[in-house]
Protein backbone atom coordinates (compact mmCIF):
# COMPACT_ATOMS: atom_id res chain seq x y z
CA UNK A 1 -53.48 -20.69 122.63
CA UNK A 2 -54.02 -16.94 122.31
CA UNK A 3 -50.34 -16.03 122.22
CA UNK A 4 -49.56 -17.63 118.83
CA UNK A 5 -52.65 -15.99 117.31
CA UNK A 6 -51.78 -12.62 118.79
CA UNK A 7 -48.19 -12.89 117.63
CA UNK A 8 -49.31 -13.82 114.11
CA UNK A 9 -51.74 -10.90 114.01
CA UNK A 10 -49.06 -8.44 115.13
CA UNK A 11 -46.56 -9.71 112.56
CA UNK A 12 -49.20 -9.43 109.84
CA UNK A 13 -49.94 -5.82 110.79
CA UNK A 14 -46.28 -4.84 110.61
CA UNK A 15 -45.24 -6.84 107.55
CA UNK A 16 -48.14 -6.10 105.19
CA UNK A 17 -47.48 -2.34 104.91
CA UNK A 18 -43.82 -3.08 104.17
CA UNK A 19 -44.86 -5.21 101.20
CA UNK A 20 -46.71 -2.33 99.51
CA UNK A 21 -44.89 -0.61 96.68
CA UNK A 22 -43.49 2.85 97.26
CA UNK A 23 -44.73 5.64 95.05
CA UNK A 24 -42.56 5.80 91.93
CA UNK A 25 -41.19 9.09 90.65
CA UNK A 26 -43.37 10.56 87.92
CA UNK A 27 -44.17 13.64 85.88
CA UNK A 28 -47.53 13.86 84.11
CA UNK A 29 -49.80 16.17 82.15
CA UNK A 30 -53.51 15.90 82.91
CA UNK A 31 -56.31 17.32 80.78
CA UNK A 32 -54.08 19.91 79.14
CA UNK A 33 -54.32 22.26 82.14
CA UNK A 34 -52.84 20.29 85.02
CA UNK A 35 -49.17 19.42 85.46
CA UNK A 36 -48.14 17.13 88.29
CA UNK A 37 -44.92 15.56 89.49
CA UNK A 38 -43.21 14.37 92.63
CA UNK A 39 -40.02 15.53 94.29
CA UNK A 40 -38.65 13.55 97.23
CA UNK A 41 -42.08 12.18 98.18
CA UNK A 42 -43.96 15.48 97.82
CA UNK A 43 -46.49 15.66 94.98
CA UNK A 44 -46.90 19.00 93.23
CA UNK A 45 -49.95 20.07 91.25
CA UNK A 46 -49.28 23.03 88.94
CA UNK A 47 -46.13 23.83 90.90
CA UNK A 48 -47.77 23.87 94.35
CA UNK A 49 -47.33 21.16 97.00
CA UNK A 50 -50.43 19.02 97.47
CA UNK A 51 -51.75 17.11 100.48
CA UNK A 52 -50.80 13.45 100.02
CA UNK A 53 -52.70 10.47 101.41
CA UNK A 54 -52.00 6.77 100.97
CA UNK A 55 -54.95 4.42 100.54
CA UNK A 56 -53.90 0.81 100.18
CA UNK A 57 -51.70 0.57 97.10
CA UNK A 58 -52.54 4.02 95.75
CA UNK A 59 -51.81 7.62 96.63
CA UNK A 60 -54.06 10.65 96.29
CA UNK A 61 -52.70 14.19 96.13
CA UNK A 62 -55.21 17.00 96.64
CA UNK A 63 -54.91 20.72 96.04
CA UNK A 64 -58.12 22.74 96.13
CA UNK A 65 -60.69 21.11 93.81
CA UNK A 66 -58.06 19.01 92.04
CA UNK A 67 -57.09 15.47 93.01
CA UNK A 68 -54.43 13.31 91.39
CA UNK A 69 -54.43 9.57 92.05
CA UNK A 70 -51.24 7.57 91.57
CA UNK A 71 -51.53 3.78 91.45
CA UNK A 72 -48.47 1.56 91.21
CA UNK A 73 -48.91 -1.10 88.54
CA UNK A 74 -47.47 -4.61 89.05
CA UNK A 75 -44.50 -3.73 86.83
CA UNK A 76 -43.69 -0.73 89.08
CA UNK A 77 -44.79 2.03 86.72
CA UNK A 78 -47.28 4.68 87.84
CA UNK A 79 -50.84 4.97 86.54
CA UNK A 80 -51.92 8.58 87.08
CA UNK A 81 -55.49 9.90 86.88
CA UNK A 82 -57.07 13.18 87.93
CA UNK A 83 -60.35 14.67 89.05
CA UNK A 84 -60.97 18.41 88.86
CA UNK A 85 -63.89 20.77 89.32
CA UNK A 86 -65.00 20.33 85.70
CA UNK A 87 -64.12 16.70 84.96
CA UNK A 88 -61.34 14.18 85.11
CA UNK A 89 -59.55 11.40 83.27
CA UNK A 90 -56.22 9.80 82.57
CA UNK A 91 -52.92 11.67 82.73
CA UNK A 92 -50.11 11.29 80.22
CA UNK A 93 -46.72 10.45 81.69
CA UNK A 94 -43.93 12.79 80.60
CA UNK A 95 -40.51 11.18 80.32
């Protein structure tokens, strides 16, 4: 009785992360003073590599007092926001 439940739980743990969308490539301008982009899975804030963490379906890149959050929308495009020492808001994607 426990084996089918255990097997189902293990499959769920391994398959759910695979279903999450990968971070799309992006380049964005945030608040007029912050530039951010990704290169091969590394997120850069103002030209410096940032620490990247995944939280569910979103990613947060942090460098000093600045954080950039990248959420993947259902259509696959990124939604990028930022928080800095003196405020935060939406970022404009640069194409």
